[in-house]
Amino acid sequence: PGILSYDIIRNSRIQISDCLKVNPEEIIFTGSGSEANNA
């Protein structure tokens, strides 16, 4: 189940990075946009 969850996150990272034409490893998930701005 953990591996499945990891793969789901990995796939989402790729989906977002594809939109931006960047590397998946350059996408960090946060709890909100405000947290992302703070981070």
Full PDB file with SEQRES, HELIX, SHEET, SSBOND, CRYST1, ORIGX, SCALE, CONECT and MASTER records, all heavy atoms in Angstrom:
SEQRES   1 A   39  PRO GLY ILE LEU SER TYR ASP ILE ILE ARG ASN SER ARG          
SEQRES   2 A   39  ILE GLN ILE SER ASP CYS LEU LYS VAL ASN PRO GLU GLU          
SEQRES   3 A   39  ILE ILE PHE THR GLY SER GLY SER GLU ALA ASN ASN ALA          
HELIX    1 AA1 GLY A    2  LEU A   20  1                                  19    
HELIX    2 AA2 PRO A   24  GLU A   26  5                                   3    
HELIX    3 AA3 GLY A   33  ASN A   38  1                                   6    
CRYST1    1.000    1.000    1.000  90.00  90.00  90.00 P 1           1          
ORIGX1      1.000000  0.000000  0.000000        0.00000                         
ORIGX2      0.000000  1.000000  0.000000        0.00000                         
ORIGX3      0.000000  0.000000  1.000000        0.00000                         
SCALE1      1.000000  0.000000  0.000000        0.00000                         
SCALE2      0.000000  1.000000  0.000000        0.00000                         
SCALE3      0.000000  0.000000  1.000000        0.00000                         
ATOM      1  N   PRO A   1       0.821  -1.221   0.000  1.00  0.00           N  
ATOM      2  CA  PRO A   1       0.000   0.000   0.000  1.00  0.00           C  
ATOM      3  C   PRO A   1       0.851   1.266   0.000  1.00  0.00           C  
ATOM      4  O   PRO A   1       0.484   2.264  -0.627  1.00  0.00           O  
ATOM      5  CB  PRO A   1      -0.822  -0.123   1.282  1.00  0.00           C  
ATOM      6  CG  PRO A   1      -0.879  -1.589   1.561  1.00  0.00           C  
ATOM      7  CD  PRO A   1       0.449  -2.117   1.127  1.00  0.00           C  
ATOM      8  N   GLY A   2       1.993   1.232   0.697  1.00  0.00           N  
ATOM      9  CA  GLY A   2       2.882   2.386   0.724  1.00  0.00           C  
ATOM     10  C   GLY A   2       3.501   2.662  -0.627  1.00  0.00           C  
ATOM     11  O   GLY A   2       3.614   3.815  -1.062  1.00  0.00           O  
ATOM     12  N   ILE A   3       3.892   1.580  -1.304  1.00  0.00           N  
ATOM     13  CA  ILE A   3       4.482   1.733  -2.639  1.00  0.00           C  
ATOM     14  C   ILE A   3       3.453   2.298  -3.608  1.00  0.00           C  
ATOM     15  O   ILE A   3       3.758   3.161  -4.441  1.00  0.00           O  
ATOM     16  CB  ILE A   3       5.025   0.378  -3.134  1.00  0.00           C  
ATOM     17  CG1 ILE A   3       6.226  -0.050  -2.272  1.00  0.00           C  
ATOM     18  CG2 ILE A   3       5.441   0.468  -4.606  1.00  0.00           C  
ATOM     19  CD1 ILE A   3       6.684  -1.468  -2.521  1.00  0.00           C  
ATOM     20  N   LEU A   4       2.208   1.834  -3.491  1.00  0.00           N  
ATOM     21  CA  LEU A   4       1.141   2.362  -4.337  1.00  0.00           C  
ATOM     22  C   LEU A   4       0.952   3.857  -4.107  1.00  0.00           C  
ATOM     23  O   LEU A   4       0.821   4.642  -5.059  1.00  0.00           O  
ATOM     24  CB  LEU A   4      -0.161   1.620  -4.056  1.00  0.00           C  
ATOM     25  CG  LEU A   4      -1.409   2.133  -4.794  1.00  0.00           C  
ATOM     26  CD1 LEU A   4      -1.233   2.042  -6.303  1.00  0.00           C  
ATOM     27  CD2 LEU A   4      -2.646   1.354  -4.351  1.00  0.00           C  
ATOM     28  N   SER A   5       0.953   4.268  -2.833  1.00  0.00           N  
ATOM     29  CA  SER A   5       0.803   5.691  -2.511  1.00  0.00           C  
ATOM     30  C   SER A   5       1.972   6.505  -3.047  1.00  0.00           C  
ATOM     31  O   SER A   5       1.791   7.616  -3.565  1.00  0.00           O  
ATOM     32  CB  SER A   5       0.687   5.863  -0.989  1.00  0.00           C  
ATOM     33  OG  SER A   5      -0.488   5.267  -0.504  1.00  0.00           O  
ATOM     34  N   TYR A   6       3.187   5.963  -2.926  1.00  0.00           N  
ATOM     35  CA  TYR A   6       4.376   6.642  -3.452  1.00  0.00           C  
ATOM     36  C   TYR A   6       4.235   6.844  -4.957  1.00  0.00           C  
ATOM     37  O   TYR A   6       4.540   7.924  -5.485  1.00  0.00           O  
ATOM     38  CB  TYR A   6       5.631   5.827  -3.140  1.00  0.00           C  
ATOM     39  CG  TYR A   6       6.897   6.429  -3.692  1.00  0.00           C  
ATOM     40  CD1 TYR A   6       7.645   7.353  -2.943  1.00  0.00           C  
ATOM     41  CD2 TYR A   6       7.352   6.096  -4.973  1.00  0.00           C  
ATOM     42  CE1 TYR A   6       8.807   7.916  -3.464  1.00  0.00           C  
ATOM     43  CE2 TYR A   6       8.497   6.664  -5.499  1.00  0.00           C  
ATOM     44  CZ  TYR A   6       9.220   7.573  -4.742  1.00  0.00           C  
ATOM     45  OH  TYR A   6      10.360   8.131  -5.264  1.00  0.00           O  
ATOM     46  N   ASP A   7       3.765   5.820  -5.649  1.00  0.00           N  
ATOM     47  CA  ASP A   7       3.614   5.900  -7.104  1.00  0.00           C  
ATOM     48  C   ASP A   7       2.559   6.930  -7.503  1.00  0.00           C  
ATOM     49  O   ASP A   7       2.697   7.603  -8.531  1.00  0.00           O  
ATOM     50  CB  ASP A   7       3.250   4.529  -7.670  1.00  0.00           C  
ATOM     51  CG  ASP A   7       4.422   3.547  -7.630  1.00  0.00           C  
ATOM     52  OD1 ASP A   7       5.567   4.009  -7.474  1.00  0.00           O  
ATOM     53  OD2 ASP A   7       4.178   2.330  -7.727  1.00  0.00           O  
ATOM     54  N   ILE A   8       1.502   7.041  -6.703  1.00  0.00           N  
ATOM     55  CA  ILE A   8       0.467   8.044  -6.979  1.00  0.00           C  
ATOM     56  C   ILE A   8       1.065   9.444  -6.898  1.00  0.00           C  
ATOM     57  O   ILE A   8       0.823  10.298  -7.762  1.00  0.00           O  
ATOM     58  CB  ILE A   8      -0.706   7.896  -5.988  1.00  0.00           C  
ATOM     59  CG1 ILE A   8      -1.496   6.619  -6.285  1.00  0.00           C  
ATOM     60  CG2 ILE A   8      -1.636   9.123  -6.063  1.00  0.00           C  
ATOM     61  CD1 ILE A   8      -2.558   6.296  -5.247  1.00  0.00           C  
ATOM     62  N   ILE A   9       1.854   9.692  -5.851  1.00  0.00           N  
ATOM     63  CA  ILE A   9       2.494  10.998  -5.695  1.00  0.00           C  
ATOM     64  C   ILE A   9       3.473  11.256  -6.838  1.00  0.00           C  
ATOM     65  O   ILE A   9       3.529  12.357  -7.400  1.00  0.00           O  
ATOM     66  CB  ILE A   9       3.203  11.093  -4.336  1.00  0.00           C  
ATOM     67  CG1 ILE A   9       2.172  11.081  -3.203  1.00  0.00           C  
ATOM     68  CG2 ILE A   9       4.067  12.353  -4.248  1.00  0.00           C  
ATOM     69  CD1 ILE A   9       2.775  11.055  -1.812  1.00  0.00           C  
ATOM     70  N   ARG A  10       4.235  10.240  -7.177  1.00  0.00           N  
ATOM     71  CA  ARG A  10       5.206  10.377  -8.266  1.00  0.00           C  
ATOM     72  C   ARG A  10       4.500  10.746  -9.573  1.00  0.00           C  
ATOM     73  O   ARG A  10       4.936  11.627 -10.311  1.00  0.00           O  
ATOM     74  CB  ARG A  10       5.976   9.055  -8.427  1.00  0.00           C  
ATOM     75  CG  ARG A  10       6.897   8.982  -9.626  1.00  0.00           C  
ATOM     76  CD  ARG A  10       8.107   9.875  -9.472  1.00  0.00           C  
ATOM     77  NE  ARG A  10       8.998   9.763 -10.615  1.00  0.00           N  
ATOM     78  CZ  ARG A  10      10.065  10.514 -10.814  1.00  0.00           C  
ATOM     79  NH1 ARG A  10      10.382  11.438  -9.925  1.00  0.00           N  
ATOM     80  NH2 ARG A  10      10.825  10.363 -11.873  1.00  0.00           N  
ATOM     81  N   ASN A  11       3.384  10.080  -9.845  1.00  0.00           N  
ATOM     82  CA  ASN A  11       2.638  10.367 -11.067  1.00  0.00           C  
ATOM     83  C   ASN A  11       2.112  11.799 -11.070  1.00  0.00           C  
ATOM     84  O   ASN A  11       2.159  12.494 -12.091  1.00  0.00           O  
ATOM     85  CB  ASN A  11       1.480   9.379 -11.206  1.00  0.00           C  
ATOM     86  CG  ASN A  11       0.710   9.562 -12.501  1.00  0.00           C  
ATOM     87  OD1 ASN A  11       1.281   9.514 -13.587  1.00  0.00           O  
ATOM     88  ND2 ASN A  11      -0.594   9.794 -12.390  1.00  0.00           N  
ATOM     89  N   SER A  12       1.622  12.273  -9.914  1.00  0.00           N  
ATOM     90  CA  SER A  12       1.127  13.650  -9.819  1.00  0.00           C  
ATOM     91  C   SER A  12       2.266  14.646 -10.012  1.00  0.00           C  
ATOM     92  O   SER A  12       2.086  15.695 -10.644  1.00  0.00           O  
ATOM     93  CB  SER A  12       0.461  13.871  -8.460  1.00  0.00           C  
ATOM     94  OG  SER A  12      -0.675  13.050  -8.323  1.00  0.00           O  
ATOM     95  N   ARG A  13       3.420  14.310  -9.485  1.00  0.00           N  
ATOM     96  CA  ARG A  13       4.586  15.186  -9.642  1.00  0.00           C  
ATOM     97  C   ARG A  13       4.944  15.314 -11.128  1.00  0.00           C  
ATOM     98  O   ARG A  13       5.279  16.406 -11.611  1.00  0.00           O  
ATOM     99  CB  ARG A  13       5.771  14.598  -8.859  1.00  0.00           C  
ATOM    100  CG  ARG A  13       6.699  15.634  -8.251  1.00  0.00           C  
ATOM    101  CD  ARG A  13       7.901  15.003  -7.577  1.00  0.00           C  
ATOM    102  NE  ARG A  13       7.568  14.135  -6.472  1.00  0.00           N  
ATOM    103  CZ  ARG A  13       7.322  14.530  -5.226  1.00  0.00           C  
ATOM    104  NH1 ARG A  13       7.357  15.828  -4.951  1.00  0.00           N  
ATOM    105  NH2 ARG A  13       7.049  13.675  -4.273  1.00  0.00           N  
ATOM    106  N   ILE A  14       4.852  14.202 -11.831  1.00  0.00           N  
ATOM    107  CA  ILE A  14       5.148  14.213 -13.265  1.00  0.00           C  
ATOM    108  C   ILE A  14       4.095  15.018 -14.026  1.00  0.00           C  
ATOM    109  O   ILE A  14       4.422  15.785 -14.941  1.00  0.00           O  
ATOM    110  CB  ILE A  14       5.216  12.766 -13.804  1.00  0.00           C  
ATOM    111  CG1 ILE A  14       6.454  12.058 -13.237  1.00  0.00           C  
ATOM    112  CG2 ILE A  14       5.248  12.745 -15.321  1.00  0.00           C  
ATOM    113  CD1 ILE A  14       6.510  10.571 -13.536  1.00  0.00           C  
ATOM    114  N   GLN A  15       2.830  14.863 -13.643  1.00  0.00           N  
ATOM    115  CA  GLN A  15       1.761  15.600 -14.327  1.00  0.00           C  
ATOM    116  C   GLN A  15       1.959  17.105 -14.206  1.00  0.00           C  
ATOM    117  O   GLN A  15       1.768  17.851 -15.177  1.00  0.00           O  
ATOM    118  CB  GLN A  15       0.401  15.192 -13.752  1.00  0.00           C  
ATOM    119  CG  GLN A  15      -0.034  13.794 -14.150  1.00  0.00           C  
ATOM    120  CD  GLN A  15      -1.324  13.373 -13.474  1.00  0.00           C  
ATOM    121  OE1 GLN A  15      -1.517  13.604 -12.276  1.00  0.00           O  
ATOM    122  NE2 GLN A  15      -2.220  12.750 -14.223  1.00  0.00           N  
ATOM    123  N   ILE A  16       2.349  17.569 -13.023  1.00  0.00           N  
ATOM    124  CA  ILE A  16       2.559  19.005 -12.826  1.00  0.00           C  
ATOM    125  C   ILE A  16       3.846  19.461 -13.502  1.00  0.00           C  
ATOM    126  O   ILE A  16       3.882  20.522 -14.156  1.00  0.00           O  
ATOM    127  CB  ILE A  16       2.564  19.341 -11.321  1.00  0.00           C  
ATOM    128  CG1 ILE A  16       1.158  19.124 -10.743  1.00  0.00           C  
ATOM    129  CG2 ILE A  16       3.036  20.778 -11.077  1.00  0.00           C  
ATOM    130  CD1 ILE A  16       1.062  19.296  -9.248  1.00  0.00           C  
ATOM    131  N   SER A  17       4.898  18.679 -13.374  1.00  0.00           N  
ATOM    132  CA  SER A  17       6.183  19.062 -13.993  1.00  0.00           C  
ATOM    133  C   SER A  17       6.067  19.091 -15.518  1.00  0.00           C  
ATOM    134  O   SER A  17       6.707  19.921 -16.179  1.00  0.00           O  
ATOM    135  CB  SER A  17       7.301  18.114 -13.555  1.00  0.00           C  
ATOM    136  OG  SER A  17       7.062  16.788 -14.007  1.00  0.00           O  
ATOM    137  N   ASP A  18       5.250  18.211 -16.084  1.00  0.00           N  
ATOM    138  CA  ASP A  18       5.050  18.226 -17.536  1.00  0.00           C  
ATOM    139  C   ASP A  18       4.407  19.536 -17.990  1.00  0.00           C  
ATOM    140  O   ASP A  18       4.707  20.042 -19.080  1.00  0.00           O  
ATOM    141  CB  ASP A  18       4.170  17.046 -17.959  1.00  0.00           C  
ATOM    142  CG  ASP A  18       4.930  15.731 -18.014  1.00  0.00           C  
ATOM    143  OD1 ASP A  18       6.171  15.753 -17.909  1.00  0.00           O  
ATOM    144  OD2 ASP A  18       4.283  14.675 -18.150  1.00  0.00           O  
ATOM    145  N   CYS A  19       3.504  20.071 -17.164  1.00  0.00           N  
ATOM    146  CA  CYS A  19       2.871  21.357 -17.504  1.00  0.00           C  
ATOM    147  C   CYS A  19       3.900  22.477 -17.579  1.00  0.00           C  
ATOM    148  O   CYS A  19       3.764  23.405 -18.379  1.00  0.00           O  
ATOM    149  CB  CYS A  19       1.823  21.730 -16.451  1.00  0.00           C  
ATOM    150  SG  CYS A  19       0.349  20.700 -16.436  1.00  0.00           S  
ATOM    151  N   LEU A  20       4.910  22.389 -16.726  1.00  0.00           N  
ATOM    152  CA  LEU A  20       5.898  23.461 -16.592  1.00  0.00           C  
ATOM    153  C   LEU A  20       7.183  23.188 -17.362  1.00  0.00           C  
ATOM    154  O   LEU A  20       8.064  24.058 -17.415  1.00  0.00           O  
ATOM    155  CB  LEU A  20       6.243  23.666 -15.104  1.00  0.00           C  
ATOM    156  CG  LEU A  20       5.067  23.949 -14.165  1.00  0.00           C  
ATOM    157  CD1 LEU A  20       5.552  24.032 -12.713  1.00  0.00           C  
ATOM    158  CD2 LEU A  20       4.374  25.249 -14.554  1.00  0.00           C  
ATOM    159  N   LYS A  21       7.310  21.975 -17.920  1.00  0.00           N  
ATOM    160  CA  LYS A  21       8.533  21.558 -18.620  1.00  0.00           C  
ATOM    161  C   LYS A  21       9.747  21.626 -17.687  1.00  0.00           C  
ATOM    162  O   LYS A  21      10.810  22.167 -18.031  1.00  0.00           O  
ATOM    163  CB  LYS A  21       8.784  22.416 -19.871  1.00  0.00           C  
ATOM    164  CG  LYS A  21       7.594  22.558 -20.800  1.00  0.00           C  
ATOM    165  CD  LYS A  21       7.105  21.231 -21.313  1.00  0.00           C  
ATOM    166  CE  LYS A  21       5.929  21.407 -22.274  1.00  0.00           C  
ATOM    167  NZ  LYS A  21       5.175  20.176 -22.507  1.00  0.00           N  
ATOM    168  N   VAL A  22       9.573  21.082 -16.490  1.00  0.00           N  
ATOM    169  CA  VAL A  22      10.668  21.014 -15.512  1.00  0.00           C  
ATOM    170  C   VAL A  22      10.830  19.571 -15.071  1.00  0.00           C  
ATOM    171  O   VAL A  22      10.055  18.684 -15.449  1.00  0.00           O  
ATOM    172  CB  VAL A  22      10.384  21.914 -14.288  1.00  0.00           C  
ATOM    173  CG1 VAL A  22      10.233  23.366 -14.708  1.00  0.00           C  
ATOM    174  CG2 VAL A  22       9.143  21.447 -13.532  1.00  0.00           C  
ATOM    175  N   ASN A  23      11.827  19.301 -14.238  1.00  0.00           N  
ATOM    176  CA  ASN A  23      12.060  17.956 -13.729  1.00  0.00           C  
ATOM    177  C   ASN A  23      11.063  17.638 -12.618  1.00  0.00           C  
ATOM    178  O   ASN A  23      10.763  18.501 -11.790  1.00  0.00           O  
ATOM    179  CB  ASN A  23      13.481  17.829 -13.189  1.00  0.00           C  
ATOM    180  CG  ASN A  23      14.534  18.064 -14.255  1.00  0.00           C  
ATOM    181  OD1 ASN A  23      14.384  17.605 -15.389  1.00  0.00           O  
ATOM    182  ND2 ASN A  23      15.591  18.785 -13.904  1.00  0.00           N  
ATOM    183  N   PRO A  24      10.559  16.414 -12.544  1.00  0.00           N  
ATOM    184  CA  PRO A  24       9.623  16.054 -11.471  1.00  0.00           C  
ATOM    185  C   PRO A  24      10.196  16.311 -10.078  1.00  0.00           C  
ATOM    186  O   PRO A  24       9.454  16.689  -9.158  1.00  0.00           O  
ATOM    187  CB  PRO A  24       9.382  14.554 -11.697  1.00  0.00           C  
ATOM    188  CG  PRO A  24       9.649  14.344 -13.148  1.00  0.00           C  
ATOM    189  CD  PRO A  24      10.758  15.297 -13.485  1.00  0.00           C  
ATOM    190  N   GLU A  25      11.508  16.122  -9.919  1.00  0.00           N  
ATOM    191  CA  GLU A  25      12.140  16.321  -8.613  1.00  0.00           C  
ATOM    192  C   GLU A  25      12.159  17.773  -8.176  1.00  0.00           C  
ATOM    193  O   GLU A  25      12.495  18.087  -7.024  1.00  0.00           O  
ATOM    194  CB  GLU A  25      13.583  15.775  -8.636  1.00  0.00           C  
ATOM    195  CG  GLU A  25      13.682  14.272  -8.822  1.00  0.00           C  
ATOM    196  CD  GLU A  25      13.445  13.836 -10.267  1.00  0.00           C  
ATOM    197  OE1 GLU A  25      13.475  14.720 -11.173  1.00  0.00           O  
ATOM    198  OE2 GLU A  25      13.197  12.632 -10.495  1.00  0.00           O  
ATOM    199  N   GLU A  26      11.795  18.685  -9.083  1.00  0.00           N  
ATOM    200  CA  GLU A  26      11.754  20.110  -8.746  1.00  0.00           C  
ATOM    201  C   GLU A  26      10.377  20.548  -8.248  1.00  0.00           C  
ATOM    202  O   GLU A  26      10.178  21.722  -7.943  1.00  0.00           O  
ATOM    203  CB  GLU A  26      12.163  20.941  -9.969  1.00  0.00           C  
ATOM    204  CG  GLU A  26      13.620  20.736 -10.375  1.00  0.00           C  
ATOM    205  CD  GLU A  26      14.000  21.486 -11.643  1.00  0.00           C  
ATOM    206  OE1 GLU A  26      13.323  21.281 -12.683  1.00  0.00           O  
ATOM    207  OE2 GLU A  26      14.976  22.266 -11.605  1.00  0.00           O  
ATOM    208  N   ILE A  27       9.442  19.604  -8.136  1.00  0.00           N  
ATOM    209  CA  ILE A  27       8.100  19.896  -7.636  1.00  0.00           C  
ATOM    210  C   ILE A  27       7.967  19.372  -6.207  1.00  0.00           C  
ATOM    211  O   ILE A  27       8.142  18.179  -5.950  1.00  0.00           O  
ATOM    212  CB  ILE A  27       7.011  19.257  -8.528  1.00  0.00           C  
ATOM    213  CG1 ILE A  27       7.137  19.763  -9.965  1.00  0.00           C  
ATOM    214  CG2 ILE A  27       5.623  19.548  -7.955  1.00  0.00           C  
ATOM    215  CD1 ILE A  27       6.963  21.259 -10.116  1.00  0.00           C  
ATOM    216  N   ILE A  28       7.661  20.274  -5.277  1.00  0.00           N  
ATOM    217  CA  ILE A  28       7.500  19.934  -3.862  1.00  0.00           C  
ATOM    218  C   ILE A  28       6.054  20.176  -3.471  1.00  0.00           C  
ATOM    219  O   ILE A  28       5.528  21.276  -3.661  1.00  0.00           O  
ATOM    220  CB  ILE A  28       8.428  20.809  -2.975  1.00  0.00           C  
ATOM    221  CG1 ILE A  28       9.870  20.734  -3.468  1.00  0.00           C  
ATOM    222  CG2 ILE A  28       8.316  20.403  -1.505  1.00  0.00           C  
ATOM    223  CD1 ILE A  28      10.470  19.359  -3.497  1.00  0.00           C  
ATOM    224  N   PHE A  29       5.388  19.172  -2.921  1.00  0.00           N  
ATOM    225  CA  PHE A  29       4.000  19.333  -2.508  1.00  0.00           C  
ATOM    226  C   PHE A  29       3.906  19.941  -1.116  1.00  0.00           C  
ATOM    227  O   PHE A  29       4.687  19.607  -0.220  1.00  0.00           O  
ATOM    228  CB  PHE A  29       3.261  17.996  -2.569  1.00  0.00           C  
ATOM    229  CG  PHE A  29       3.004  17.535  -3.967  1.00  0.00           C  
ATOM    230  CD1 PHE A  29       3.670  16.421  -4.480  1.00  0.00           C  
ATOM    231  CD2 PHE A  29       2.125  18.231  -4.790  1.00  0.00           C  
ATOM    232  CE1 PHE A  29       3.442  16.009  -5.783  1.00  0.00           C  
ATOM    233  CE2 PHE A  29       1.901  17.825  -6.099  1.00  0.00           C  
ATOM    234  CZ  PHE A  29       2.563  16.706  -6.597  1.00  0.00           C  
ATOM    235  N   THR A  30       2.936  20.835  -0.947  1.00  0.00           N  
ATOM    236  CA  THR A  30       2.717  21.532   0.327  1.00  0.00           C  
ATOM    237  C   THR A  30       1.244  21.404   0.714  1.00  0.00           C  
ATOM    238  O   THR A  30       0.452  20.809  -0.011  1.00  0.00           O  
ATOM    239  CB  THR A  30       3.075  23.030   0.199  1.00  0.00           C  
ATOM    240  OG1 THR A  30       2.156  23.653  -0.726  1.00  0.00           O  
ATOM    241  CG2 THR A  30       4.498  23.220  -0.298  1.00  0.00           C  
ATOM    242  N   GLY A  31       0.894  21.985   1.853  1.00  0.00           N  
ATOM    243  CA  GLY A  31      -0.477  21.920   2.331  1.00  0.00           C  
ATOM    244  C   GLY A  31      -1.380  23.013   1.794  1.00  0.00           C  
ATOM    245  O   GLY A  31      -2.590  22.969   2.000  1.00  0.00           O  
ATOM    246  N   SER A  32      -0.814  24.000   1.083  1.00  0.00           N  
ATOM    247  CA  SER A  32      -1.615  25.098   0.530  1.00  0.00           C  
ATOM    248  C   SER A  32      -0.712  26.007  -0.294  1.00  0.00           C  
ATOM    249  O   SER A  32       0.524  25.904  -0.227  1.00  0.00           O  
ATOM    250  CB  SER A  32      -2.265  25.918   1.655  1.00  0.00           C  
ATOM    251  OG  SER A  32      -1.279  26.596   2.415  1.00  0.00           O  
ATOM    252  N   GLY A  33      -1.344  26.922  -1.005  1.00  0.00           N  
ATOM    253  CA  GLY A  33      -0.576  27.932  -1.729  1.00  0.00           C  
ATOM    254  C   GLY A  33       0.130  28.880  -0.787  1.00  0.00           C  
ATOM    255  O   GLY A  33       1.265  29.295  -1.034  1.00  0.00           O  
ATOM    256  N   SER A  34      -0.537  29.229   0.314  1.00  0.00           N  
ATOM    257  CA  SER A  34       0.076  30.137   1.295  1.00  0.00           C  
ATOM    258  C   SER A  34       1.324  29.506   1.903  1.00  0.00           C  
ATOM    259  O   SER A  34       2.334  30.186   2.116  1.00  0.00           O  
ATOM    260  CB  SER A  34      -0.924  30.485   2.399  1.00  0.00           C  
ATOM    261  OG  SER A  34      -1.940  31.332   1.911  1.00  0.00           O  
ATOM    262  N   GLU A  35       1.250  28.202   2.181  1.00  0.00           N  
ATOM    263  CA  GLU A  35       2.445  27.530   2.713  1.00  0.00           C  
ATOM    264  C   GLU A  35       3.572  27.537   1.689  1.00  0.00           C  
ATOM    265  O   GLU A  35       4.738  27.747   2.031  1.00  0.00           O  
ATOM    266  CB  GLU A  35       2.118  26.090   3.106  1.00  0.00           C  
ATOM    267  CG  GLU A  35       3.309  25.381   3.730  1.00  0.00           C  
ATOM    268  CD  GLU A  35       3.150  23.876   3.846  1.00  0.00           C  
ATOM    269  OE1 GLU A  35       2.022  23.405   4.099  1.00  0.00           O  
ATOM    270  OE2 GLU A  35       4.156  23.164   3.669  1.00  0.00           O  
ATOM    271  N   ALA A  36       3.201  27.321   0.422  1.00  0.00           N  
ATOM    272  CA  ALA A  36       4.215  27.331  -0.632  1.00  0.00           C  
ATOM    273  C   ALA A  36       4.894  28.696  -0.722  1.00  0.00           C  
ATOM    274  O   ALA A  36       6.118  28.790  -0.864  1.00  0.00           O  
ATOM    275  CB  ALA A  36       3.571  26.956  -1.964  1.00  0.00           C  
ATOM    276  N   ASN A  37       4.113  29.779  -0.629  1.00  0.00           N  
ATOM    277  CA  ASN A  37       4.696  31.127  -0.649  1.00  0.00           C  
ATOM    278  C   ASN A  37       5.635  31.331   0.527  1.00  0.00           C  
ATOM    279  O   ASN A  37       6.730  31.888   0.383  1.00  0.00           O  
ATOM    280  CB  ASN A  37       3.581  32.177  -0.619  1.00  0.00           C  
ATOM    281  CG  ASN A  37       2.928  32.391  -1.967  1.00  0.00           C  
ATOM    282  OD1 ASN A  37       3.528  32.136  -3.006  1.00  0.00           O  
ATOM    283  ND2 ASN A  37       1.685  32.847  -1.972  1.00  0.00           N  
ATOM    284  N   ASN A  38       5.195  30.909   1.713  1.00  0.00           N  
ATOM    285  CA  ASN A  38       6.044  31.023   2.902  1.00  0.00           C  
ATOM    286  C   ASN A  38       7.321  30.206   2.740  1.00  0.00           C  
ATOM    287  O   ASN A  38       8.416  30.669   3.091  1.00  0.00           O  
ATOM    288  CB  ASN A  38       5.277  30.560   4.139  1.00  0.00           C  
ATOM    289  CG  ASN A  38       4.462  31.648   4.791  1.00  0.00           C  
ATOM    290  OD1 ASN A  38       4.866  32.242   5.783  1.00  0.00           O  
ATOM    291  ND2 ASN A  38       3.302  31.929   4.223  1.00  0.00           N  
ATOM    292  N   ALA A  39       7.183  28.982   2.244  1.00  0.00           N  
ATOM    293  CA  ALA A  39       8.340  28.100   2.093  1.00  0.00           C  
ATOM    294  C   ALA A  39       9.353  28.673   1.117  1.00  0.00           C  
ATOM    295  O   ALA A  39      10.570  28.577   1.344  1.00  0.00           O  
ATOM    296  CB  ALA A  39       7.877  26.719   1.632  1.00  0.00           C  
TER     297      ALA A  39                                                      
MASTER        0    0    0    3    0    0    0    6  296    1    0    3          
END                                                                             
